PDB file of N, CA and C in Angstrom:
ATOM      1  N   MET A   1       0.875  -1.143   0.082  1.00  0.00           N
ATOM      2  CA  MET A   1       0.126  -0.037  -0.026  1.00  0.00           C
ATOM      3  C   MET A   1       0.704   1.364   0.091  1.00  0.00           C
ATOM      4  N   ILE A   2       1.979   1.240   0.757  1.00  0.00           N
ATOM      5  CA  ILE A   2       2.627   2.447   0.471  1.00  0.00           C
ATOM      6  C   ILE A   2       3.376   2.465  -0.501  1.00  0.00           C
ATOM      7  N   VAL A   3       3.605   1.590  -1.277  1.00  0.00           N
ATOM      8  CA  VAL A   3       4.319   1.764  -2.640  1.00  0.00           C
ATOM      9  C   VAL A   3       3.561   2.293  -3.618  1.00  0.00           C
ATOM     10  N   VAL A   4       2.160   2.255  -3.368  1.00  0.00           N
ATOM     11  CA  VAL A   4       1.077   2.984  -4.224  1.00  0.00           C
ATOM     12  C   VAL A   4       1.076   4.371  -3.919  1.00  0.00           C
ATOM     13  N   PHE A   5       1.073   4.478  -2.499  1.00  0.00           N
ATOM     14  CA  PHE A   5       1.060   6.153  -2.389  1.00  0.00           C
ATOM     15  C   PHE A   5       2.299   6.845  -2.881  1.00  0.00           C
ATOM     16  N   ALA A   6       3.331   6.113  -2.732  1.00  0.00           N
ATOM     17  CA  ALA A   6       4.607   6.674  -3.198  1.00  0.00           C
ATOM     18  C   ALA A   6       4.591   7.020  -4.568  1.00  0.00           C
ATOM     19  N   TYR A   7       3.967   5.972  -5.453  1.00  0.00           N
ATOM     20  CA  TYR A   7       4.060   6.099  -6.813  1.00  0.00           C
ATOM     21  C   TYR A   7       3.150   7.398  -7.126  1.00  0.00           C
ATOM     22  N   LEU A   8       1.792   7.486  -6.411  1.00  0.00           N
ATOM     23  CA  LEU A   8       0.943   8.562  -6.783  1.00  0.00           C
ATOM     24  C   LEU A   8       1.477  10.066  -6.254  1.00  0.00           C
ATOM     25  N   ALA A   9       2.483  10.102  -5.352  1.00  0.00           N
ATOM     26  CA  ALA A   9       2.849  10.993  -5.170  1.00  0.00           C
ATOM     27  C   ALA A   9       3.919  11.249  -6.093  1.00  0.00           C
ATOM     28  N   VAL A  10       4.946  10.530  -6.576  1.00  0.00           N
ATOM     29  CA  VAL A  10       5.710  10.847  -7.337  1.00  0.00           C
ATOM     30  C   VAL A  10       5.440  11.411  -8.880  1.00  0.00           C
ATOM     31  N   ILE A  11       3.995  10.448  -9.437  1.00  0.00           N
ATOM     32  CA  ILE A  11       3.722  10.960 -10.400  1.00  0.00           C
ATOM     33  C   ILE A  11       2.931  12.222 -10.581  1.00  0.00           C
ATOM     34  N   ASN A  12       2.145  12.673  -9.587  1.00  0.00           N
ATOM     35  CA  ASN A  12       1.702  13.655  -9.388  1.00  0.00           C
ATOM     36  C   ASN A  12       2.756  14.762  -9.182  1.00  0.00           C
ATOM     37  N   LEU A  13       3.486  14.500  -8.587  1.00  0.00           N
ATOM     38  CA  LEU A  13       4.732  15.853  -8.779  1.00  0.00           C
ATOM     39  C   LEU A  13       5.311  16.055 -10.009  1.00  0.00           C
ATOM     40  N   VAL A  14       5.398  14.946 -10.754  1.00  0.00           N
ATOM     41  CA  VAL A  14       5.880  15.166 -11.867  1.00  0.00           C
ATOM     42  C   VAL A  14       5.229  15.682 -13.014  1.00  0.00           C
ATOM     43  N   GLY A  15       3.949  15.563 -12.719  1.00  0.00           N
ATOM     44  CA  GLY A  15       2.531  16.127 -13.607  1.00  0.00           C
ATOM     45  C   GLY A  15       2.620  17.485 -13.093  1.00  0.00           C
ATOM     46  N   PHE A  16       2.682  17.938 -11.956  1.00  0.00           N
ATOM     47  CA  PHE A  16       2.768  19.327 -11.320  1.00  0.00           C
ATOM     48  C   PHE A  16       4.047  19.742 -12.048  1.00  0.00           C
ATOM     49  N   GLY A  17       5.303  19.350 -12.082  1.00  0.00           N
ATOM     50  CA  GLY A  17       6.323  19.779 -12.596  1.00  0.00           C
ATOM     51  C   GLY A  17       6.406  20.130 -13.988  1.00  0.00           C
ATOM     52  N   LEU A  18       5.852  19.084 -14.934  1.00  0.00           N
ATOM     53  CA  LEU A  18       5.868  19.470 -16.332  1.00  0.00           C
ATOM     54  C   LEU A  18       4.835  20.474 -16.558  1.00  0.00           C
ATOM     55  N   MET A  19       3.759  20.536 -16.053  1.00  0.00           N
ATOM     56  CA  MET A  19       2.932  21.705 -16.415  1.00  0.00           C
ATOM     57  C   MET A  19       3.539  23.033 -16.067  1.00  0.00           C
ATOM     58  N   GLY A  20       4.330  23.027 -14.722  1.00  0.00           N
ATOM     59  CA  GLY A  20       4.908  24.307 -14.454  1.00  0.00           C
ATOM     60  C   GLY A  20       5.957  24.805 -15.664  1.00  0.00           C
ATOM     61  N   SER A  21       6.707  23.638 -15.959  1.00  0.00           N
ATOM     62  CA  SER A  21       7.982  23.525 -16.951  1.00  0.00           C
ATOM     63  C   SER A  21       7.406  24.104 -18.244  1.00  0.00           C
ATOM     64  N   ASP A  22       6.323  23.657 -18.518  1.00  0.00           N
ATOM     65  CA  ASP A  22       5.691  23.923 -20.006  1.00  0.00           C
ATOM     66  C   ASP A  22       5.289  25.472 -19.973  1.00  0.00           C
ATOM     67  N   LYS A  23       4.466  25.760 -18.741  1.00  0.00           N
ATOM     68  CA  LYS A  23       4.087  27.025 -18.733  1.00  0.00           C
ATOM     69  C   LYS A  23       5.166  28.245 -18.631  1.00  0.00           C
ATOM     70  N   SER A  24       6.468  27.819 -18.148  1.00  0.00           N
ATOM     71  CA  SER A  24       7.545  28.438 -18.239  1.00  0.00           C
ATOM     72  C   SER A  24       8.065  28.948 -19.530  1.00  0.00           C
ATOM     73  N   ARG A  25       8.110  27.818 -20.052  1.00  0.00           N
ATOM     74  CA  ARG A  25       8.809  27.792 -21.571  1.00  0.00           C
ATOM     75  C   ARG A  25       7.781  28.600 -22.539  1.00  0.00           C
ATOM     76  N   ALA A  26       6.546  28.310 -22.491  1.00  0.00           N
ATOM     77  CA  ALA A  26       5.701  29.081 -23.081  1.00  0.00           C
ATOM     78  C   ALA A  26       5.720  30.551 -23.072  1.00  0.00           C
ATOM     79  N   ARG A  27       6.032  31.038 -21.799  1.00  0.00           N
ATOM     80  CA  ARG A  27       6.151  32.543 -21.379  1.00  0.00           C
ATOM     81  C   ARG A  27       7.265  32.843 -22.325  1.00  0.00           C
ATOM     82  N   LYS A  28       8.338  32.327 -22.426  1.00  0.00           N
ATOM     83  CA  LYS A  28       9.622  32.697 -22.845  1.00  0.00           C
ATOM     84  C   LYS A  28       9.658  32.427 -24.436  1.00  0.00           C
ATOM     85  N   GLY A  29       8.602  31.742 -25.030  1.00  0.00           N
ATOM     86  CA  GLY A  29       8.696  31.622 -26.402  1.00  0.00           C
ATOM     87  C   GLY A  29       9.206  30.404 -26.563  1.00  0.00           C
ATOM     88  N   GLY A  30       9.655  29.523 -25.619  1.00  0.00           N
ATOM     89  CA  GLY A  30      10.668  28.524 -26.236  1.00  0.00           C
ATOM     90  C   GLY A  30       9.780  27.431 -27.153  1.00  0.00           C
ATOM     91  N   ARG A  31      10.643  26.815 -27.853  1.00  0.00           N
ATOM     92  CA  ARG A  31      10.323  25.782 -29.127  1.00  0.00           C
ATOM     93  C   ARG A  31       9.906  24.283 -28.255  1.00  0.00           C
ATOM     94  N   ARG A  32      10.994  24.162 -27.217  1.00  0.00           N
ATOM     95  CA  ARG A  32      10.839  22.847 -26.800  1.00  0.00           C
ATOM     96  C   ARG A  32      10.048  22.784 -25.704  1.00  0.00           C
ATOM     97  N   ARG A  33       8.676  22.733 -26.064  1.00  0.00           N
ATOM     98  CA  ARG A  33       7.518  22.834 -25.045  1.00  0.00           C
ATOM     99  C   ARG A  33       7.245  21.085 -24.635  1.00  0.00           C
ATOM    100  N   VAL A  34       6.550  20.925 -23.607  1.00  0.00           N
ATOM    101  CA  VAL A  34       6.178  19.650 -23.278  1.00  0.00           C
ATOM    102  C   VAL A  34       5.138  19.167 -24.013  1.00  0.00           C
ATOM    103  N   PRO A  35       5.197  18.019 -24.792  1.00  0.00           N
ATOM    104  CA  PRO A  35       3.815  17.843 -25.973  1.00  0.00           C
ATOM    105  C   PRO A  35       2.641  17.573 -24.879  1.00  0.00           C
ATOM    106  N   GLU A  36       1.246  18.110 -25.369  1.00  0.00           N
ATOM    107  CA  GLU A  36       0.126  17.698 -24.739  1.00  0.00           C
ATOM    108  C   GLU A  36      -0.228  16.307 -24.544  1.00  0.00           C
ATOM    109  N   LYS A  37      -0.007  15.461 -25.249  1.00  0.00           N
ATOM    110  CA  LYS A  37       0.253  13.953 -25.414  1.00  0.00           C
ATOM    111  C   LYS A  37       1.111  13.399 -23.923  1.00  0.00           C
ATOM    112  N   ARG A  38       2.177  14.073 -23.772  1.00  0.00           N
ATOM    113  CA  ARG A  38       2.715  13.879 -22.542  1.00  0.00           C
ATOM    114  C   ARG A  38       2.101  14.148 -21.269  1.00  0.00           C
ATOM    115  N   LEU A  39       1.380  15.233 -21.505  1.00  0.00           N
ATOM    116  CA  LEU A  39       0.742  15.858 -20.291  1.00  0.00           C
ATOM    117  C   LEU A  39      -0.342  15.025 -19.983  1.00  0.00           C
ATOM    118  N   PHE A  40      -1.051  14.480 -20.995  1.00  0.00           N
ATOM    119  CA  PHE A  40      -2.315  13.562 -20.723  1.00  0.00           C
ATOM    120  C   PHE A  40      -1.566  12.191 -20.332  1.00  0.00           C
ATOM    121  N   LEU A  41      -0.574  11.605 -21.015  1.00  0.00           N
ATOM    122  CA  LEU A  41      -0.468  10.589 -20.598  1.00  0.00           C
ATOM    123  C   LEU A  41       0.268  10.216 -18.842  1.00  0.00           C
ATOM    124  N   ILE A  42       0.681  11.509 -18.638  1.00  0.00           N
ATOM    125  CA  ILE A  42       1.036  11.621 -17.144  1.00  0.00           C
ATOM    126  C   ILE A  42      -0.264  11.698 -16.266  1.00  0.00           C
ATOM    127  N   ALA A  43      -1.062  12.384 -16.794  1.00  0.00           N
ATOM    128  CA  ALA A  43      -2.426  12.360 -15.971  1.00  0.00           C
ATOM    129  C   ALA A  43      -3.044  11.063 -15.807  1.00  0.00           C
ATOM    130  N   ALA A  44      -3.139  10.368 -16.932  1.00  0.00           N
ATOM    131  CA  ALA A  44      -3.847   8.997 -17.269  1.00  0.00           C
ATOM    132  C   ALA A  44      -2.719   7.922 -16.231  1.00  0.00           C
ATOM    133  N   ALA A  45      -1.596   8.117 -16.023  1.00  0.00           N
ATOM    134  CA  ALA A  45      -0.769   7.184 -15.129  1.00  0.00           C
ATOM    135  C   ALA A  45      -0.956   7.296 -13.790  1.00  0.00           C
ATOM    136  N   GLY A  46      -1.880   8.454 -13.404  1.00  0.00           N
ATOM    137  CA  GLY A  46      -2.260   8.556 -11.972  1.00  0.00           C
ATOM    138  C   GLY A  46      -1.791  10.019 -11.457  1.00  0.00           C
ATOM    139  N   GLY A  47      -1.305  10.564 -12.398  1.00  0.00           N
ATOM    140  CA  GLY A  47      -1.018  12.198 -11.981  1.00  0.00           C
ATOM    141  C   GLY A  47      -2.017  13.091 -12.380  1.00  0.00           C
ATOM    142  N   ALA A  48      -3.191  12.984 -12.763  1.00  0.00           N
ATOM    143  CA  ALA A  48      -4.110  13.549 -12.743  1.00  0.00           C
ATOM    144  C   ALA A  48      -4.461  14.823 -12.051  1.00  0.00           C
ATOM    145  N   LEU A  49      -4.254  14.791 -10.411  1.00  0.00           N
ATOM    146  CA  LEU A  49      -4.213  15.596  -9.670  1.00  0.00           C
ATOM    147  C   LEU A  49      -3.387  16.706  -9.648  1.00  0.00           C
ATOM    148  N   GLY A  50      -1.964  16.163  -9.808  1.00  0.00           N
ATOM    149  CA  GLY A  50      -0.975  17.032 -10.145  1.00  0.00           C
ATOM    150  C   GLY A  50      -1.259  17.823 -11.182  1.00  0.00           C
ATOM    151  N   VAL A  51      -1.549  17.255 -12.150  1.00  0.00           N
ATOM    152  CA  VAL A  51      -1.731  18.313 -13.350  1.00  0.00           C
ATOM    153  C   VAL A  51      -2.854  19.274 -13.483  1.00  0.00           C
ATOM    154  N   TRP A  52      -4.047  18.722 -12.753  1.00  0.00           N
ATOM    155  CA  TRP A  52      -5.108  19.746 -12.440  1.00  0.00           C
ATOM    156  C   TRP A  52      -4.623  20.853 -11.485  1.00  0.00           C
ATOM    157  N   ILE A  53      -4.104  20.690 -10.602  1.00  0.00           N
ATOM    158  CA  ILE A  53      -3.547  21.599  -9.334  1.00  0.00           C
ATOM    159  C   ILE A  53      -2.729  22.350 -10.044  1.00  0.00           C
ATOM    160  N   ALA A  54      -1.796  22.041 -10.941  1.00  0.00           N
ATOM    161  CA  ALA A  54      -0.810  22.986 -11.771  1.00  0.00           C
ATOM    162  C   ALA A  54      -1.686  23.747 -12.993  1.00  0.00           C
ATOM    163  N   MET A  55      -2.644  23.235 -13.334  1.00  0.00           N
ATOM    164  CA  MET A  55      -3.592  24.078 -14.355  1.00  0.00           C
ATOM    165  C   MET A  55      -3.931  25.137 -13.658  1.00  0.00           C
ATOM    166  N   ARG A  56      -4.515  25.044 -12.492  1.00  0.00           N
ATOM    167  CA  ARG A  56      -5.182  26.243 -11.662  1.00  0.00           C
ATOM    168  C   ARG A  56      -4.057  27.184 -10.976  1.00  0.00           C
ATOM    169  N   SER A  57      -3.016  26.560 -10.609  1.00  0.00           N
ATOM    170  CA  SER A  57      -2.003  27.341 -10.099  1.00  0.00           C
ATOM    171  C   SER A  57      -1.180  28.086 -10.989  1.00  0.00           C
ATOM    172  N   PHE A  58      -0.799  27.511 -12.149  1.00  0.00           N
ATOM    173  CA  PHE A  58      -0.049  28.641 -13.010  1.00  0.00           C
ATOM    174  C   PHE A  58      -0.990  29.047 -14.184  1.00  0.00           C
ATOM    175  N   ARG A  59      -2.327  28.984 -14.307  1.00  0.00           N
ATOM    176  CA  ARG A  59      -3.231  29.183 -15.074  1.00  0.00           C
ATOM    177  C   ARG A  59      -2.772  28.690 -16.486  1.00  0.00           C
ATOM    178  N   HIS A  60      -2.526  27.613 -16.883  1.00  0.00           N
ATOM    179  CA  HIS A  60      -1.884  26.976 -17.789  1.00  0.00           C
ATOM    180  C   HIS A  60      -2.850  25.960 -18.374  1.00  0.00           C
ATOM    181  N   LYS A  61      -3.128  26.087 -19.942  1.00  0.00           N
ATOM    182  CA  LYS A  61      -3.929  25.131 -20.480  1.00  0.00           C
ATOM    183  C   LYS A  61      -5.644  25.152 -20.117  1.00  0.00           C
ATOM    184  N   THR A  62      -5.558  26.308 -19.589  1.00  0.00           N
ATOM    185  CA  THR A  62      -7.050  26.640 -18.950  1.00  0.00           C
ATOM    186  C   THR A  62      -8.092  26.945 -20.189  1.00  0.00           C
ATOM    187  N   GLN A  63      -7.355  27.192 -21.253  1.00  0.00           N
ATOM    188  CA  GLN A  63      -8.349  27.583 -22.336  1.00  0.00           C
ATOM    189  C   GLN A  63      -8.599  26.744 -23.361  1.00  0.00           C
ATOM    190  N   HIS A  64      -7.978  25.582 -23.136  1.00  0.00           N
ATOM    191  CA  HIS A  64      -8.087  24.369 -24.052  1.00  0.00           C
ATOM    192  C   HIS A  64      -9.076  23.300 -23.528  1.00  0.00           C
ATOM    193  N   ARG A  65      -9.952  23.259 -24.162  1.00  0.00           N
ATOM    194  CA  ARG A  65     -11.277  22.522 -24.078  1.00  0.00           C
ATOM    195  C   ARG A  65     -10.998  20.735 -23.573  1.00  0.00           C
ATOM    196  N   SER A  66      -9.801  20.579 -24.130  1.00  0.00           N
ATOM    197  CA  SER A  66      -9.388  18.939 -24.079  1.00  0.00           C
ATOM    198  C   SER A  66      -9.046  18.996 -22.698  1.00  0.00           C
ATOM    199  N   PHE A  67      -8.254  19.942 -22.084  1.00  0.00           N
ATOM    200  CA  PHE A  67      -7.370  20.015 -20.701  1.00  0.00           C
ATOM    201  C   PHE A  67      -8.801  20.369 -19.815  1.00  0.00           C
ATOM    202  N   VAL A  68      -9.664  21.138 -20.048  1.00  0.00           N
ATOM    203  CA  VAL A  68     -10.690  21.687 -19.221  1.00  0.00           C
ATOM    204  C   VAL A  68     -11.532  20.599 -18.591  1.00  0.00           C
ATOM    205  N   VAL A  69     -11.879  19.898 -19.710  1.00  0.00           N
ATOM    206  CA  VAL A  69     -12.783  18.765 -19.727  1.00  0.00           C
ATOM    207  C   VAL A  69     -12.123  17.616 -19.395  1.00  0.00           C
ATOM    208  N   GLY A  70     -11.284  17.061 -20.193  1.00  0.00           N
ATOM    209  CA  GLY A  70     -10.309  15.840 -19.829  1.00  0.00           C
ATOM    210  C   GLY A  70      -9.780  15.385 -18.697  1.00  0.00           C
ATOM    211  N   ILE A  71      -8.867  16.496 -18.246  1.00  0.00           N
ATOM    212  CA  ILE A  71      -7.958  16.290 -16.826  1.00  0.00           C
ATOM    213  C   ILE A  71      -8.971  15.971 -15.736  1.00  0.00           C
ATOM    214  N   PRO A  72     -10.108  17.050 -15.562  1.00  0.00           N
ATOM    215  CA  PRO A  72     -10.968  16.579 -14.339  1.00  0.00           C
ATOM    216  C   PRO A  72     -11.927  15.363 -14.690  1.00  0.00           C
ATOM    217  N   ALA A  73     -12.100  15.058 -15.950  1.00  0.00           N
ATOM    218  CA  ALA A  73     -12.834  13.490 -16.057  1.00  0.00           C
ATOM    219  C   ALA A  73     -11.748  12.599 -15.717  1.00  0.00           C
ATOM    220  N   ILE A  74     -10.461  12.502 -15.992  1.00  0.00           N
ATOM    221  CA  ILE A  74      -9.585  11.626 -15.858  1.00  0.00           C
ATOM    222  C   ILE A  74      -9.598  11.381 -14.326  1.00  0.00           C
ATOM    223  N   LEU A  75      -9.446  12.833 -13.660  1.00  0.00           N
ATOM    224  CA  LEU A  75      -9.305  12.696 -12.159  1.00  0.00           C
ATOM    225  C   LEU A  75     -10.424  12.025 -11.465  1.00  0.00           C
ATOM    226  N   ALA A  76     -11.689  12.238 -11.960  1.00  0.00           N
ATOM    227  CA  ALA A  76     -12.861  11.610 -11.358  1.00  0.00           C
ATOM    228  C   ALA A  76     -12.980  10.162 -11.395  1.00  0.00           C
ATOM    229  N   VAL A  77     -12.284   9.619 -12.801  1.00  0.00           N
ATOM    230  CA  VAL A  77     -12.304   8.126 -12.966  1.00  0.00           C
ATOM    231  C   VAL A  77     -11.406   7.549 -11.778  1.00  0.00           C
ATOM    232  N   GLN A  78     -10.228   8.519 -11.843  1.00  0.00           N
ATOM    233  CA  GLN A  78      -9.186   7.865 -10.857  1.00  0.00           C
ATOM    234  C   GLN A  78      -9.792   7.832  -9.216  1.00  0.00           C
ATOM    235  N   VAL A  79     -10.364   9.080  -8.941  1.00  0.00           N
ATOM    236  CA  VAL A  79     -10.912   8.989  -7.731  1.00  0.00           C
ATOM    237  C   VAL A  79     -11.942   7.693  -7.329  1.00  0.00           C
ATOM    238  N   LEU A  80     -12.786   7.554  -8.375  1.00  0.00           N
ATOM    239  CA  LEU A  80     -13.833   6.537  -8.222  1.00  0.00           C
ATOM    240  C   LEU A  80     -13.017   5.316  -8.180  1.00  0.00           C
ATOM    241  N   ALA A  81     -12.377   4.962  -8.841  1.00  0.00           N
ATOM    242  CA  ALA A  81     -11.317   3.523  -9.113  1.00  0.00           C
ATOM    243  C   ALA A  81     -10.626   3.535  -7.593  1.00  0.00           C
ATOM    244  N   GLY A  82     -10.029   4.457  -7.293  1.00  0.00           N
ATOM    245  CA  GLY A  82      -9.178   4.435  -5.856  1.00  0.00           C
ATOM    246  C   GLY A  82     -10.070   4.004  -4.839  1.00  0.00           C
ATOM    247  N   LEU A  83     -11.490   4.602  -4.723  1.00  0.00           N
ATOM    248  CA  LEU A  83     -12.641   4.472  -3.805  1.00  0.00           C
ATOM    249  C   LEU A  83     -13.116   2.997  -3.749  1.00  0.00           C
ATOM    250  N   TYR A  84     -13.128   2.848  -5.181  1.00  0.00           N
ATOM    251  CA  TYR A  84     -13.575   1.059  -5.050  1.00  0.00           C
ATOM    252  C   TYR A  84     -12.652   0.371  -4.646  1.00  0.00           C
ATOM    253  N   LEU A  85     -11.074   0.498  -4.989  1.00  0.00           N
ATOM    254  CA  LEU A  85     -10.180  -0.369  -4.877  1.00  0.00           C
ATOM    255  C   LEU A  85      -9.990  -0.445  -3.383  1.00  0.00           C
ATOM    256  N   PHE A  86     -10.324   0.908  -2.479  1.00  0.00           N
ATOM    257  CA  PHE A  86      -9.923   0.885  -1.162  1.00  0.00           C
ATOM    258  C   PHE A  86     -11.023   0.053  -0.486  1.00  0.00           C
ATOM    259  N   ASP A  87     -12.148   0.118  -1.054  1.00  0.00           N
ATOM    260  CA  ASP A  87     -13.461  -0.609  -0.345  1.00  0.00           C
ATOM    261  C   ASP A  87     -13.114  -2.239  -0.477  1.00  0.00           C
ATOM    262  N   LEU A  88     -12.258  -2.507  -1.383  1.00  0.00           N
ATOM    263  CA  LEU A  88     -12.084  -4.028  -1.697  1.00  0.00           C
ATOM    264  C   LEU A  88     -11.358  -4.491  -0.658  1.00  0.00           C
ATOM    265  N   VAL A  89     -10.147  -3.579  -0.800  1.00  0.00           N
ATOM    266  CA  VAL A  89      -9.162  -3.862   0.374  1.00  0.00           C
ATOM    267  C   VAL A  89      -9.593  -4.002   1.828  1.00  0.00           C
ATOM    268  N   ARG A  90     -10.152  -3.047   2.169  1.00  0.00           N
ATOM    269  CA  ARG A  90     -10.822  -2.958   3.394  1.00  0.00           C
ATOM    270  C   ARG A  90     -11.888  -4.370   3.819  1.00  0.00           C
ATOM    271  N   ALA A  91     -12.617  -4.450   2.667  1.00  0.00           N
ATOM    272  CA  ALA A  91     -13.526  -5.599   2.891  1.00  0.00           C
ATOM    273  C   ALA A  91     -12.912  -6.874   2.982  1.00  0.00           C
ATOM    274  N   GLY A  92     -11.908  -7.097   2.208  1.00  0.00           N
ATOM    275  CA  GLY A  92     -11.175  -7.988   2.170  1.00  0.00           C
ATOM    276  C   GLY A  92     -10.363  -8.660   3.009  1.00  0.00           C
TER     277      GLY A  92
END
């Protein structure tokens, strides 16, 4: 169980960091931006909360419908799956 929490902490920090890095690069007009596919991959891999918090904190990708709808949807699925799995572990 500790391994799962450690993984989620790391993947969410990675998602938060990548969003912050992309925002910084966007401000500087940099060419080497973080691809949107990578941000969604990190979110889908368990980092949706970190990506969502970064969206709000840095005001980044908040005009992109795919992010405004997609990241909270991924987060909702992850929360529901987590609650379901927690209930299974607790009952078993």
